[in-house]
Amino acid sequence: MEPELIEAEVVLPIHLSFKKIQMYEKYPKGQARGRHWKHLKQIIQAENYQNYPPDEPNYVNIESAPSMKPGKRICDITGYETAYFDPRTNIRYANADVFKLLRSLPNEYVQRYLALRNAAVVLK
């Protein structure tokens, strides 16, 4: 006795989820691969900035109100964030090694560091 054949219409997906998608299926010919980034000029052209109020910050007008947070204190020698400063020279320092170096600097170098920070003071 032969088993009976049954006809059925089965629709299979184009690719099975457990199989890797081939690159030619993922990106057909002529289609770009990956993410495209817009340049500032393209963003400006796409947006209608004439309708925005002039005081609202946007890509064309990047000026905004000053920050209400206090500025970070940065070591004048190393560039690390710090909470210490030398009361004699008013130079900020990050650790004890920098403080030792700071105390060994001549006055003219200290003045140059202060001038870089726009805090030039005449030391006595």
PDB file of N, CA and C in Angstrom:
ATOM      1  N   MET A   1       0.822  -1.163   0.000  1.00  0.00           N
ATOM      2  CA  MET A   1       0.000   0.000   0.000  1.00  0.00           C
ATOM      3  C   MET A   1       0.888   1.257   0.000  1.00  0.00           C
ATOM      4  N   GLU A   2       0.594   2.189  -0.884  1.00  0.00           N
ATOM      5  CA  GLU A   2       1.366   3.429  -1.004  1.00  0.00           C
ATOM      6  C   GLU A   2       0.741   4.528  -0.150  1.00  0.00           C
ATOM      7  N   PRO A   3       1.602   5.360   0.480  1.00  0.00           N
ATOM      8  CA  PRO A   3       1.031   6.455   1.251  1.00  0.00           C
ATOM      9  C   PRO A   3       0.381   7.484   0.330  1.00  0.00           C
ATOM     10  N   GLU A   4      -0.635   8.105   0.821  1.00  0.00           N
ATOM     11  CA  GLU A   4      -1.395   9.073   0.031  1.00  0.00           C
ATOM     12  C   GLU A   4      -0.653  10.418   0.014  1.00  0.00           C
ATOM     13  N   LEU A   5      -0.496  10.993  -1.148  1.00  0.00           N
ATOM     14  CA  LEU A   5       0.152  12.290  -1.315  1.00  0.00           C
ATOM     15  C   LEU A   5      -0.877  13.407  -1.162  1.00  0.00           C
ATOM     16  N   ILE A   6      -0.519  14.370  -0.346  1.00  0.00           N
ATOM     17  CA  ILE A   6      -1.412  15.500  -0.135  1.00  0.00           C
ATOM     18  C   ILE A   6      -0.723  16.747  -0.668  1.00  0.00           C
ATOM     19  N   GLU A   7      -1.451  17.486  -1.484  1.00  0.00           N
ATOM     20  CA  GLU A   7      -0.914  18.739  -2.010  1.00  0.00           C
ATOM     21  C   GLU A   7      -1.274  19.884  -1.062  1.00  0.00           C
ATOM     22  N   ALA A   8      -0.286  20.676  -0.725  1.00  0.00           N
ATOM     23  CA  ALA A   8      -0.529  21.824   0.139  1.00  0.00           C
ATOM     24  C   ALA A   8       0.355  22.975  -0.317  1.00  0.00           C
ATOM     25  N   GLU A   9      -0.163  24.167  -0.188  1.00  0.00           N
ATOM     26  CA  GLU A   9       0.617  25.345  -0.552  1.00  0.00           C
ATOM     27  C   GLU A   9       1.313  25.870   0.712  1.00  0.00           C
ATOM     28  N   VAL A  10       2.624  25.759   0.746  1.00  0.00           N
ATOM     29  CA  VAL A  10       3.407  26.230   1.878  1.00  0.00           C
ATOM     30  C   VAL A  10       4.240  27.416   1.401  1.00  0.00           C
ATOM     31  N   VAL A  11       4.106  28.497   2.111  1.00  0.00           N
ATOM     32  CA  VAL A  11       4.861  29.693   1.764  1.00  0.00           C
ATOM     33  C   VAL A  11       6.017  29.813   2.757  1.00  0.00           C
ATOM     34  N   LEU A  12       7.232  29.703   2.253  1.00  0.00           N
ATOM     35  CA  LEU A  12       8.420  29.846   3.086  1.00  0.00           C
ATOM     36  C   LEU A  12       8.967  31.261   2.935  1.00  0.00           C
ATOM     37  N   PRO A  13       9.536  31.801   3.995  1.00  0.00           N
ATOM     38  CA  PRO A  13      10.147  33.128   3.853  1.00  0.00           C
ATOM     39  C   PRO A  13      11.350  33.074   2.912  1.00  0.00           C
ATOM     40  N   ILE A  14      11.739  34.252   2.403  1.00  0.00           N
ATOM     41  CA  ILE A  14      12.857  34.318   1.469  1.00  0.00           C
ATOM     42  C   ILE A  14      14.134  33.824   2.131  1.00  0.00           C
ATOM     43  N   HIS A  15      14.345  34.191   3.375  1.00  0.00           N
ATOM     44  CA  HIS A  15      15.505  33.700   4.107  1.00  0.00           C
ATOM     45  C   HIS A  15      15.040  33.229   5.478  1.00  0.00           C
ATOM     46  N   LEU A  16      15.643  32.211   5.970  1.00  0.00           N
ATOM     47  CA  LEU A  16      15.301  31.698   7.281  1.00  0.00           C
ATOM     48  C   LEU A  16      16.079  32.468   8.342  1.00  0.00           C
ATOM     49  N   SER A  17      15.458  32.695   9.482  1.00  0.00           N
ATOM     50  CA  SER A  17      16.053  33.557  10.499  1.00  0.00           C
ATOM     51  C   SER A  17      17.354  32.997  11.062  1.00  0.00           C
ATOM     52  N   PHE A  18      17.561  31.703  11.004  1.00  0.00           N
ATOM     53  CA  PHE A  18      18.777  31.123  11.552  1.00  0.00           C
ATOM     54  C   PHE A  18      19.923  31.128  10.552  1.00  0.00           C
ATOM     55  N   LYS A  19      19.654  31.498   9.315  1.00  0.00           N
ATOM     56  CA  LYS A  19      20.696  31.557   8.304  1.00  0.00           C
ATOM     57  C   LYS A  19      21.198  32.989   8.161  1.00  0.00           C
ATOM     58  N   LYS A  20      22.454  33.103   7.801  1.00  0.00           N
ATOM     59  CA  LYS A  20      23.026  34.420   7.565  1.00  0.00           C
ATOM     60  C   LYS A  20      22.464  34.997   6.269  1.00  0.00           C
ATOM     61  N   ILE A  21      22.195  36.288   6.309  1.00  0.00           N
ATOM     62  CA  ILE A  21      21.718  36.965   5.103  1.00  0.00           C
ATOM     63  C   ILE A  21      22.923  37.278   4.238  1.00  0.00           C
ATOM     64  N   GLN A  22      22.866  36.928   3.005  1.00  0.00           N
ATOM     65  CA  GLN A  22      23.961  37.230   2.090  1.00  0.00           C
ATOM     66  C   GLN A  22      23.988  38.728   1.799  1.00  0.00           C
ATOM     67  N   MET A  23      25.174  39.230   1.555  1.00  0.00           N
ATOM     68  CA  MET A  23      25.331  40.663   1.324  1.00  0.00           C
ATOM     69  C   MET A  23      24.543  41.135   0.108  1.00  0.00           C
ATOM     70  N   TYR A  24      24.463  40.304  -0.925  1.00  0.00           N
ATOM     71  CA  TYR A  24      23.737  40.745  -2.114  1.00  0.00           C
ATOM     72  C   TYR A  24      22.236  40.758  -1.867  1.00  0.00           C
ATOM     73  N   GLU A  25      21.761  40.007  -0.883  1.00  0.00           N
ATOM     74  CA  GLU A  25      20.341  40.077  -0.549  1.00  0.00           C
ATOM     75  C   GLU A  25      20.061  41.287   0.341  1.00  0.00           C
ATOM     76  N   LYS A  26      21.001  41.572   1.236  1.00  0.00           N
ATOM     77  CA  LYS A  26      20.824  42.679   2.161  1.00  0.00           C
ATOM     78  C   LYS A  26      20.933  44.022   1.447  1.00  0.00           C
ATOM     79  N   TYR A  27      21.916  44.133   0.560  1.00  0.00           N
ATOM     80  CA  TYR A  27      22.135  45.370  -0.184  1.00  0.00           C
ATOM     81  C   TYR A  27      22.070  45.066  -1.674  1.00  0.00           C
ATOM     82  N   PRO A  28      20.902  45.242  -2.282  1.00  0.00           N
ATOM     83  CA  PRO A  28      20.823  45.021  -3.723  1.00  0.00           C
ATOM     84  C   PRO A  28      21.736  45.978  -4.480  1.00  0.00           C
ATOM     85  N   LYS A  29      22.011  45.643  -5.718  1.00  0.00           N
ATOM     86  CA  LYS A  29      22.928  46.436  -6.526  1.00  0.00           C
ATOM     87  C   LYS A  29      22.450  47.883  -6.631  1.00  0.00           C
ATOM     88  N   GLY A  30      23.361  48.799  -6.423  1.00  0.00           N
ATOM     89  CA  GLY A  30      23.033  50.210  -6.522  1.00  0.00           C
ATOM     90  C   GLY A  30      22.582  50.822  -5.209  1.00  0.00           C
ATOM     91  N   GLN A  31      22.420  50.014  -4.162  1.00  0.00           N
ATOM     92  CA  GLN A  31      21.987  50.559  -2.886  1.00  0.00           C
ATOM     93  C   GLN A  31      23.208  50.730  -1.973  1.00  0.00           C
ATOM     94  N   ALA A  32      23.238  51.797  -1.240  1.00  0.00           N
ATOM     95  CA  ALA A  32      24.395  52.100  -0.395  1.00  0.00           C
ATOM     96  C   ALA A  32      24.438  51.181   0.814  1.00  0.00           C
ATOM     97  N   ARG A  33      25.642  50.932   1.279  1.00  0.00           N
ATOM     98  CA  ARG A  33      25.843  50.118   2.469  1.00  0.00           C
ATOM     99  C   ARG A  33      26.110  51.015   3.662  1.00  0.00           C
ATOM    100  N   GLY A  34      25.553  50.656   4.788  1.00  0.00           N
ATOM    101  CA  GLY A  34      25.861  51.359   6.028  1.00  0.00           C
ATOM    102  C   GLY A  34      25.126  52.666   6.184  1.00  0.00           C
ATOM    103  N   ARG A  35      25.521  53.405   7.201  1.00  0.00           N
ATOM    104  CA  ARG A  35      24.867  54.653   7.575  1.00  0.00           C
ATOM    105  C   ARG A  35      25.526  55.822   6.866  1.00  0.00           C
ATOM    106  N   HIS A  36      24.702  56.733   6.401  1.00  0.00           N
ATOM    107  CA  HIS A  36      25.216  57.947   5.774  1.00  0.00           C
ATOM    108  C   HIS A  36      25.026  59.107   6.732  1.00  0.00           C
ATOM    109  N   TRP A  37      26.055  59.903   6.895  1.00  0.00           N
ATOM    110  CA  TRP A  37      25.986  61.056   7.771  1.00  0.00           C
ATOM    111  C   TRP A  37      25.765  62.298   6.922  1.00  0.00           C
ATOM    112  N   LYS A  38      24.902  63.168   7.422  1.00  0.00           N
ATOM    113  CA  LYS A  38      24.648  64.418   6.716  1.00  0.00           C
ATOM    114  C   LYS A  38      25.658  65.464   7.163  1.00  0.00           C
ATOM    115  N   HIS A  39      26.098  66.265   6.221  1.00  0.00           N
ATOM    116  CA  HIS A  39      26.966  67.380   6.533  1.00  0.00           C
ATOM    117  C   HIS A  39      26.105  68.529   7.050  1.00  0.00           C
ATOM    118  N   LEU A  40      26.747  69.476   7.713  1.00  0.00           N
ATOM    119  CA  LEU A  40      26.026  70.615   8.262  1.00  0.00           C
ATOM    120  C   LEU A  40      25.294  71.383   7.174  1.00  0.00           C
ATOM    121  N   LYS A  41      25.899  71.494   6.019  1.00  0.00           N
ATOM    122  CA  LYS A  41      25.263  72.211   4.915  1.00  0.00           C
ATOM    123  C   LYS A  41      23.969  71.522   4.481  1.00  0.00           C
ATOM    124  N   GLN A  42      23.967  70.180   4.474  1.00  0.00           N
ATOM    125  CA  GLN A  42      22.764  69.433   4.110  1.00  0.00           C
ATOM    126  C   GLN A  42      21.675  69.589   5.171  1.00  0.00           C
ATOM    127  N   ILE A  43      22.069  69.613   6.435  1.00  0.00           N
ATOM    128  CA  ILE A  43      21.097  69.783   7.520  1.00  0.00           C
ATOM    129  C   ILE A  43      20.462  71.164   7.441  1.00  0.00           C
ATOM    130  N   ILE A  44      21.284  72.168   7.188  1.00  0.00           N
ATOM    131  CA  ILE A  44      20.774  73.539   7.106  1.00  0.00           C
ATOM    132  C   ILE A  44      19.804  73.683   5.940  1.00  0.00           C
ATOM    133  N   GLN A  45      20.116  73.063   4.810  1.00  0.00           N
ATOM    134  CA  GLN A  45      19.225  73.148   3.657  1.00  0.00           C
ATOM    135  C   GLN A  45      17.923  72.401   3.898  1.00  0.00           C
ATOM    136  N   ALA A  46      17.978  71.288   4.641  1.00  0.00           N
ATOM    137  CA  ALA A  46      16.782  70.485   4.881  1.00  0.00           C
ATOM    138  C   ALA A  46      15.829  71.168   5.868  1.00  0.00           C
ATOM    139  N   GLU A  47      16.369  71.893   6.830  1.00  0.00           N
ATOM    140  CA  GLU A  47      15.542  72.575   7.827  1.00  0.00           C
ATOM    141  C   GLU A  47      15.164  73.960   7.326  1.00  0.00           C
ATOM    142  N   ASN A  48      14.051  74.451   7.806  1.00  0.00           N
ATOM    143  CA  ASN A  48      13.600  75.788   7.438  1.00  0.00           C
ATOM    144  C   ASN A  48      13.858  76.722   8.610  1.00  0.00           C
ATOM    145  N   TYR A  49      15.084  77.245   8.691  1.00  0.00           N
ATOM    146  CA  TYR A  49      15.488  78.039   9.836  1.00  0.00           C
ATOM    147  C   TYR A  49      14.945  79.466   9.814  1.00  0.00           C
ATOM    148  N   GLN A  50      14.352  79.890   8.725  1.00  0.00           N
ATOM    149  CA  GLN A  50      13.806  81.239   8.675  1.00  0.00           C
ATOM    150  C   GLN A  50      12.590  81.377   9.590  1.00  0.00           C
ATOM    151  N   ASN A  51      11.898  80.269   9.879  1.00  0.00           N
ATOM    152  CA  ASN A  51      10.690  80.322  10.698  1.00  0.00           C
ATOM    153  C   ASN A  51      10.977  80.253  12.192  1.00  0.00           C
ATOM    154  N   TYR A  52      12.235  79.998  12.592  1.00  0.00           N
ATOM    155  CA  TYR A  52      12.578  79.916  14.003  1.00  0.00           C
ATOM    156  C   TYR A  52      12.783  81.310  14.573  1.00  0.00           C
ATOM    157  N   PRO A  53      12.477  81.511  15.857  1.00  0.00           N
ATOM    158  CA  PRO A  53      12.781  82.813  16.467  1.00  0.00           C
ATOM    159  C   PRO A  53      14.292  83.047  16.518  1.00  0.00           C
ATOM    160  N   PRO A  54      14.733  84.289  16.388  1.00  0.00           N
ATOM    161  CA  PRO A  54      16.186  84.548  16.309  1.00  0.00           C
ATOM    162  C   PRO A  54      16.942  84.230  17.596  1.00  0.00           C
ATOM    163  N   ASP A  55      16.259  84.216  18.746  1.00  0.00           N
ATOM    164  CA  ASP A  55      16.977  83.964  19.998  1.00  0.00           C
ATOM    165  C   ASP A  55      17.028  82.486  20.366  1.00  0.00           C
ATOM    166  N   GLU A  56      16.378  81.614  19.603  1.00  0.00           N
ATOM    167  CA  GLU A  56      16.405  80.179  19.895  1.00  0.00           C
ATOM    168  C   GLU A  56      17.671  79.551  19.302  1.00  0.00           C
ATOM    169  N   PRO A  57      18.471  78.822  20.109  1.00  0.00           N
ATOM    170  CA  PRO A  57      19.691  78.212  19.568  1.00  0.00           C
ATOM    171  C   PRO A  57      19.371  77.095  18.569  1.00  0.00           C
ATOM    172  N   ASN A  58      20.085  77.080  17.463  1.00  0.00           N
ATOM    173  CA  ASN A  58      19.952  76.017  16.462  1.00  0.00           C
ATOM    174  C   ASN A  58      21.285  75.901  15.732  1.00  0.00           C
ATOM    175  N   TYR A  59      21.314  75.153  14.622  1.00  0.00           N
ATOM    176  CA  TYR A  59      22.575  74.946  13.911  1.00  0.00           C
ATOM    177  C   TYR A  59      23.121  76.228  13.292  1.00  0.00           C
ATOM    178  N   VAL A  60      22.251  77.157  12.942  1.00  0.00           N
ATOM    179  CA  VAL A  60      22.696  78.397  12.321  1.00  0.00           C
ATOM    180  C   VAL A  60      23.159  79.386  13.389  1.00  0.00           C
ATOM    181  N   ASN A  61      22.427  79.455  14.484  1.00  0.00           N
ATOM    182  CA  ASN A  61      22.740  80.381  15.558  1.00  0.00           C
ATOM    183  C   ASN A  61      23.195  79.558  16.758  1.00  0.00           C
ATOM    184  N   ILE A  62      24.492  79.372  16.918  1.00  0.00           N
ATOM    185  CA  ILE A  62      24.981  78.508  17.984  1.00  0.00           C
ATOM    186  C   ILE A  62      25.227  79.261  19.281  1.00  0.00           C
ATOM    187  N   GLU A  63      24.968  80.537  19.299  1.00  0.00           N
ATOM    188  CA  GLU A  63      25.144  81.292  20.523  1.00  0.00           C
ATOM    189  C   GLU A  63      23.996  80.973  21.467  1.00  0.00           C
ATOM    190  N   SER A  64      24.324  80.751  22.716  1.00  0.00           N
ATOM    191  CA  SER A  64      23.292  80.480  23.717  1.00  0.00           C
ATOM    192  C   SER A  64      23.667  81.205  24.999  1.00  0.00           C
ATOM    193  N   ALA A  65      22.777  81.157  25.962  1.00  0.00           N
ATOM    194  CA  ALA A  65      23.009  81.832  27.233  1.00  0.00           C
ATOM    195  C   ALA A  65      24.183  81.183  27.961  1.00  0.00           C
ATOM    196  N   PRO A  66      24.885  81.926  28.812  1.00  0.00           N
ATOM    197  CA  PRO A  66      26.003  81.332  29.553  1.00  0.00           C
ATOM    198  C   PRO A  66      25.504  80.254  30.510  1.00  0.00           C
ATOM    199  N   SER A  67      26.372  79.316  30.786  1.00  0.00           N
ATOM    200  CA  SER A  67      26.027  78.211  31.668  1.00  0.00           C
ATOM    201  C   SER A  67      25.853  78.702  33.098  1.00  0.00           C
ATOM    202  N   MET A  68      24.923  78.087  33.813  1.00  0.00           N
ATOM    203  CA  MET A  68      24.693  78.436  35.212  1.00  0.00           C
ATOM    204  C   MET A  68      25.592  77.619  36.139  1.00  0.00           C
ATOM    205  N   LYS A  69      26.213  76.569  35.620  1.00  0.00           N
ATOM    206  CA  LYS A  69      27.110  75.746  36.424  1.00  0.00           C
ATOM    207  C   LYS A  69      28.468  76.425  36.531  1.00  0.00           C
ATOM    208  N   PRO A  70      29.142  76.258  37.671  1.00  0.00           N
ATOM    209  CA  PRO A  70      30.490  76.827  37.773  1.00  0.00           C
ATOM    210  C   PRO A  70      31.465  76.072  36.871  1.00  0.00           C
ATOM    211  N   GLY A  71      32.479  76.781  36.412  1.00  0.00           N
ATOM    212  CA  GLY A  71      33.458  76.160  35.532  1.00  0.00           C
ATOM    213  C   GLY A  71      34.290  75.125  36.269  1.00  0.00           C
ATOM    214  N   LYS A  72      34.801  74.154  35.521  1.00  0.00           N
ATOM    215  CA  LYS A  72      35.654  73.135  36.126  1.00  0.00           C
ATOM    216  C   LYS A  72      37.014  73.742  36.444  1.00  0.00           C
ATOM    217  N   ARG A  73      37.602  73.280  37.529  1.00  0.00           N
ATOM    218  CA  ARG A  73      38.939  73.736  37.895  1.00  0.00           C
ATOM    219  C   ARG A  73      39.939  72.709  37.387  1.00  0.00           C
ATOM    220  N   ILE A  74      40.828  73.168  36.546  1.00  0.00           N
ATOM    221  CA  ILE A  74      41.792  72.312  35.880  1.00  0.00           C
ATOM    222  C   ILE A  74      43.190  72.649  36.371  1.00  0.00           C
ATOM    223  N   CYS A  75      43.999  71.607  36.586  1.00  0.00           N
ATOM    224  CA  CYS A  75      45.398  71.809  36.991  1.00  0.00           C
ATOM    225  C   CYS A  75      46.131  72.557  35.884  1.00  0.00           C
ATOM    226  N   ASP A  76      46.840  73.610  36.262  1.00  0.00           N
ATOM    227  CA  ASP A  76      47.562  74.421  35.272  1.00  0.00           C
ATOM    228  C   ASP A  76      48.755  73.692  34.682  1.00  0.00           C
ATOM    229  N   ILE A  77      49.285  72.706  35.369  1.00  0.00           N
ATOM    230  CA  ILE A  77      50.469  71.989  34.893  1.00  0.00           C
ATOM    231  C   ILE A  77      50.079  70.748  34.089  1.00  0.00           C
ATOM    232  N   THR A  78      49.193  69.901  34.656  1.00  0.00           N
ATOM    233  CA  THR A  78      48.889  68.607  34.024  1.00  0.00           C
ATOM    234  C   THR A  78      47.629  68.614  33.182  1.00  0.00           C
ATOM    235  N   GLY A  79      46.670  69.478  33.495  1.00  0.00           N
ATOM    236  CA  GLY A  79      45.416  69.490  32.750  1.00  0.00           C
ATOM    237  C   GLY A  79      44.340  68.605  33.361  1.00  0.00           C
ATOM    238  N   TYR A  80      44.625  67.968  34.500  1.00  0.00           N
ATOM    239  CA  TYR A  80      43.624  67.150  35.181  1.00  0.00           C
ATOM    240  C   TYR A  80      42.696  68.036  36.009  1.00  0.00           C
ATOM    241  N   GLU A  81      41.482  67.525  36.259  1.00  0.00           N
ATOM    242  CA  GLU A  81      40.548  68.248  37.109  1.00  0.00           C
ATOM    243  C   GLU A  81      41.059  68.205  38.551  1.00  0.00           C
ATOM    244  N   THR A  82      40.938  69.310  39.259  1.00  0.00           N
ATOM    245  CA  THR A  82      41.521  69.390  40.596  1.00  0.00           C
ATOM    246  C   THR A  82      40.701  70.290  41.514  1.00  0.00           C
ATOM    247  N   ALA A  83      40.975  70.158  42.811  1.00  0.00           N
ATOM    248  CA  ALA A  83      40.343  71.029  43.803  1.00  0.00           C
ATOM    249  C   ALA A  83      41.388  71.817  44.581  1.00  0.00           C
ATOM    250  N   TYR A  84      42.657  71.652  44.266  1.00  0.00           N
ATOM    251  CA  TYR A  84      43.744  72.277  45.017  1.00  0.00           C
ATOM    252  C   TYR A  84      44.315  73.479  44.270  1.00  0.00           C
ATOM    253  N   PHE A  85      44.740  74.486  45.059  1.00  0.00           N
ATOM    254  CA  PHE A  85      45.511  75.580  44.462  1.00  0.00           C
ATOM    255  C   PHE A  85      46.508  76.082  45.485  1.00  0.00           C
ATOM    256  N   ASP A  86      47.603  76.569  44.968  1.00  0.00           N
ATOM    257  CA  ASP A  86      48.674  77.083  45.808  1.00  0.00           C
ATOM    258  C   ASP A  86      48.321  78.518  46.199  1.00  0.00           C
ATOM    259  N   PRO A  87      48.162  78.809  47.496  1.00  0.00           N
ATOM    260  CA  PRO A  87      47.770  80.170  47.886  1.00  0.00           C
ATOM    261  C   PRO A  87      48.855  81.207  47.616  1.00  0.00           C
ATOM    262  N   ARG A  88      50.105  80.781  47.551  1.00  0.00           N
ATOM    263  CA  ARG A  88      51.194  81.724  47.315  1.00  0.00           C
ATOM    264  C   ARG A  88      51.228  82.180  45.855  1.00  0.00           C
ATOM    265  N   THR A  89      51.014  81.244  44.915  1.00  0.00           N
ATOM    266  CA  THR A  89      51.127  81.571  43.494  1.00  0.00           C
ATOM    267  C   THR A  89      49.785  81.592  42.761  1.00  0.00           C
ATOM    268  N   ASN A  90      48.728  81.101  43.382  1.00  0.00           N
ATOM    269  CA  ASN A  90      47.389  80.991  42.778  1.00  0.00           C
ATOM    270  C   ASN A  90      47.351  80.040  41.590  1.00  0.00           C
ATOM    271  N   ILE A  91      48.295  79.124  41.507  1.00  0.00           N
ATOM    272  CA  ILE A  91      48.286  78.110  40.450  1.00  0.00           C
ATOM    273  C   ILE A  91      47.598  76.869  40.982  1.00  0.00           C
ATOM    274  N   ARG A  92      46.732  76.298  40.150  1.00  0.00           N
ATOM    275  CA  ARG A  92      46.040  75.069  40.532  1.00  0.00           C
ATOM    276  C   ARG A  92      46.947  73.876  40.253  1.00  0.00           C
ATOM    277  N   TYR A  93      46.902  72.887  41.152  1.00  0.00           N
ATOM    278  CA  TYR A  93      47.732  71.687  40.971  1.00  0.00           C
ATOM    279  C   TYR A  93      46.914  70.440  41.294  1.00  0.00           C
ATOM    280  N   ALA A  94      47.322  69.286  40.725  1.00  0.00           N
ATOM    281  CA  ALA A  94      46.534  68.062  40.833  1.00  0.00           C
ATOM    282  C   ALA A  94      46.964  67.169  41.987  1.00  0.00           C
ATOM    283  N   ASN A  95      48.252  67.089  42.276  1.00  0.00           N
ATOM    284  CA  ASN A  95      48.715  66.190  43.338  1.00  0.00           C
ATOM    285  C   ASN A  95      50.000  66.739  43.960  1.00  0.00           C
ATOM    286  N   ALA A  96      50.540  65.980  44.922  1.00  0.00           N
ATOM    287  CA  ALA A  96      51.715  66.435  45.672  1.00  0.00           C
ATOM    288  C   ALA A  96      52.956  66.556  44.794  1.00  0.00           C
ATOM    289  N   ASP A  97      53.088  65.669  43.807  1.00  0.00           N
ATOM    290  CA  ASP A  97      54.252  65.747  42.910  1.00  0.00           C
ATOM    291  C   ASP A  97      54.243  67.052  42.114  1.00  0.00           C
ATOM    292  N   VAL A  98      53.082  67.431  41.644  1.00  0.00           N
ATOM    293  CA  VAL A  98      52.963  68.685  40.888  1.00  0.00           C
ATOM    294  C   VAL A  98      53.205  69.872  41.814  1.00  0.00           C
ATOM    295  N   PHE A  99      52.752  69.760  43.067  1.00  0.00           N
ATOM    296  CA  PHE A  99      52.978  70.848  44.027  1.00  0.00           C
ATOM    297  C   PHE A  99      54.469  71.052  44.288  1.00  0.00           C
ATOM    298  N   LYS A 100      55.221  69.962  44.405  1.00  0.00           N
ATOM    299  CA  LYS A 100      56.680  70.068  44.589  1.00  0.00           C
ATOM    300  C   LYS A 100      57.325  70.754  43.391  1.00  0.00           C
ATOM    301  N   LEU A 101      56.871  70.362  42.182  1.00  0.00           N
ATOM    302  CA  LEU A 101      57.389  70.990  40.966  1.00  0.00           C
ATOM    303  C   LEU A 101      57.028  72.470  40.937  1.00  0.00           C
ATOM    304  N   LEU A 102      55.815  72.772  41.347  1.00  0.00           N
ATOM    305  CA  LEU A 102      55.319  74.144  41.344  1.00  0.00           C
ATOM    306  C   LEU A 102      56.148  75.046  42.263  1.00  0.00           C
ATOM    307  N   ARG A 103      56.503  74.547  43.426  1.00  0.00           N
ATOM    308  CA  ARG A 103      57.297  75.334  44.367  1.00  0.00           C
ATOM    309  C   ARG A 103      58.731  75.539  43.890  1.00  0.00           C
ATOM    310  N   SER A 104      59.189  74.667  42.987  1.00  0.00           N
ATOM    311  CA  SER A 104      60.560  74.816  42.497  1.00  0.00           C
ATOM    312  C   SER A 104      60.653  75.699  41.248  1.00  0.00           C
ATOM    313  N   LEU A 105      59.524  76.113  40.690  1.00  0.00           N
ATOM    314  CA  LEU A 105      59.538  76.948  39.482  1.00  0.00           C
ATOM    315  C   LEU A 105      59.942  78.378  39.800  1.00  0.00           C
ATOM    316  N   PRO A 106      60.679  79.015  38.902  1.00  0.00           N
ATOM    317  CA  PRO A 106      60.994  80.433  39.083  1.00  0.00           C
ATOM    318  C   PRO A 106      59.745  81.302  38.878  1.00  0.00           C
ATOM    319  N   ASN A 107      59.789  82.513  39.382  1.00  0.00           N
ATOM    320  CA  ASN A 107      58.646  83.429  39.303  1.00  0.00           C
ATOM    321  C   ASN A 107      58.192  83.707  37.872  1.00  0.00           C
ATOM    322  N   GLU A 108      59.123  83.816  36.944  1.00  0.00           N
ATOM    323  CA  GLU A 108      58.730  84.126  35.556  1.00  0.00           C
ATOM    324  C   GLU A 108      57.909  82.998  34.942  1.00  0.00           C
ATOM    325  N   TYR A 109      58.208  81.736  35.282  1.00  0.00           N
ATOM    326  CA  TYR A 109      57.414  80.610  34.784  1.00  0.00           C
ATOM    327  C   TYR A 109      56.013  80.601  35.401  1.00  0.00           C
ATOM    328  N   VAL A 110      55.945  80.936  36.670  1.00  0.00           N
ATOM    329  CA  VAL A 110      54.647  81.008  37.345  1.00  0.00           C
ATOM    330  C   VAL A 110      53.786  82.079  36.689  1.00  0.00           C
ATOM    331  N   GLN A 111      54.386  83.229  36.370  1.00  0.00           N
ATOM    332  CA  GLN A 111      53.657  84.305  35.705  1.00  0.00           C
ATOM    333  C   GLN A 111      53.137  83.856  34.332  1.00  0.00           C
ATOM    334  N   ARG A 112      53.936  83.064  33.623  1.00  0.00           N
ATOM    335  CA  ARG A 112      53.505  82.567  32.307  1.00  0.00           C
ATOM    336  C   ARG A 112      52.316  81.622  32.436  1.00  0.00           C
ATOM    337  N   TYR A 113      52.342  80.738  33.448  1.00  0.00           N
ATOM    338  CA  TYR A 113      51.207  79.834  33.664  1.00  0.00           C
ATOM    339  C   TYR A 113      49.943  80.619  34.008  1.00  0.00           C
ATOM    340  N   LEU A 114      50.092  81.645  34.835  1.00  0.00           N
ATOM    341  CA  LEU A 114      48.933  82.470  35.177  1.00  0.00           C
ATOM    342  C   LEU A 114      48.429  83.267  33.975  1.00  0.00           C
ATOM    343  N   ALA A 115      49.333  83.707  33.124  1.00  0.00           N
ATOM    344  CA  ALA A 115      48.936  84.448  31.924  1.00  0.00           C
ATOM    345  C   ALA A 115      48.153  83.550  30.964  1.00  0.00           C
ATOM    346  N   LEU A 116      48.516  82.271  30.899  1.00  0.00           N
ATOM    347  CA  LEU A 116      47.771  81.346  30.038  1.00  0.00           C
ATOM    348  C   LEU A 116      46.325  81.203  30.490  1.00  0.00           C
ATOM    349  N   ARG A 117      46.089  81.287  31.777  1.00  0.00           N
ATOM    350  CA  ARG A 117      44.754  81.158  32.335  1.00  0.00           C
ATOM    351  C   ARG A 117      44.059  82.516  32.458  1.00  0.00           C
ATOM    352  N   ASN A 118      44.691  83.584  32.001  1.00  0.00           N
ATOM    353  CA  ASN A 118      44.192  84.965  32.131  1.00  0.00           C
ATOM    354  C   ASN A 118      43.963  85.345  33.585  1.00  0.00           C
ATOM    355  N   ALA A 119      44.862  84.923  34.444  1.00  0.00           N
ATOM    356  CA  ALA A 119      44.776  85.245  35.855  1.00  0.00           C
ATOM    357  C   ALA A 119      46.104  85.832  36.316  1.00  0.00           C
ATOM    358  N   ALA A 120      46.730  86.609  35.448  1.00  0.00           N
ATOM    359  CA  ALA A 120      48.059  87.143  35.763  1.00  0.00           C
ATOM    360  C   ALA A 120      48.002  88.054  36.979  1.00  0.00           C
ATOM    361  N   VAL A 121      48.865  87.756  37.953  1.00  0.00           N
ATOM    362  CA  VAL A 121      48.950  88.527  39.178  1.00  0.00           C
ATOM    363  C   VAL A 121      50.419  88.824  39.414  1.00  0.00           C
ATOM    364  N   VAL A 122      50.712  89.993  39.948  1.00  0.00           N
ATOM    365  CA  VAL A 122      52.083  90.321  40.278  1.00  0.00           C
ATOM    366  C   VAL A 122      52.386  89.718  41.634  1.00  0.00           C
ATOM    367  N   LEU A 123      53.335  88.784  41.678  1.00  0.00           N
ATOM    368  CA  LEU A 123      53.692  88.123  42.930  1.00  0.00           C
ATOM    369  C   LEU A 123      54.728  88.941  43.673  1.00  0.00           C
ATOM    370  N   LYS A 124      54.644  88.917  45.005  1.00  0.00           N
ATOM    371  CA  LYS A 124      55.610  89.670  45.827  1.00  0.00           C
ATOM    372  C   LYS A 124      56.692  88.753  46.311  1.00  0.00           C
TER     373      LYS A 124
END
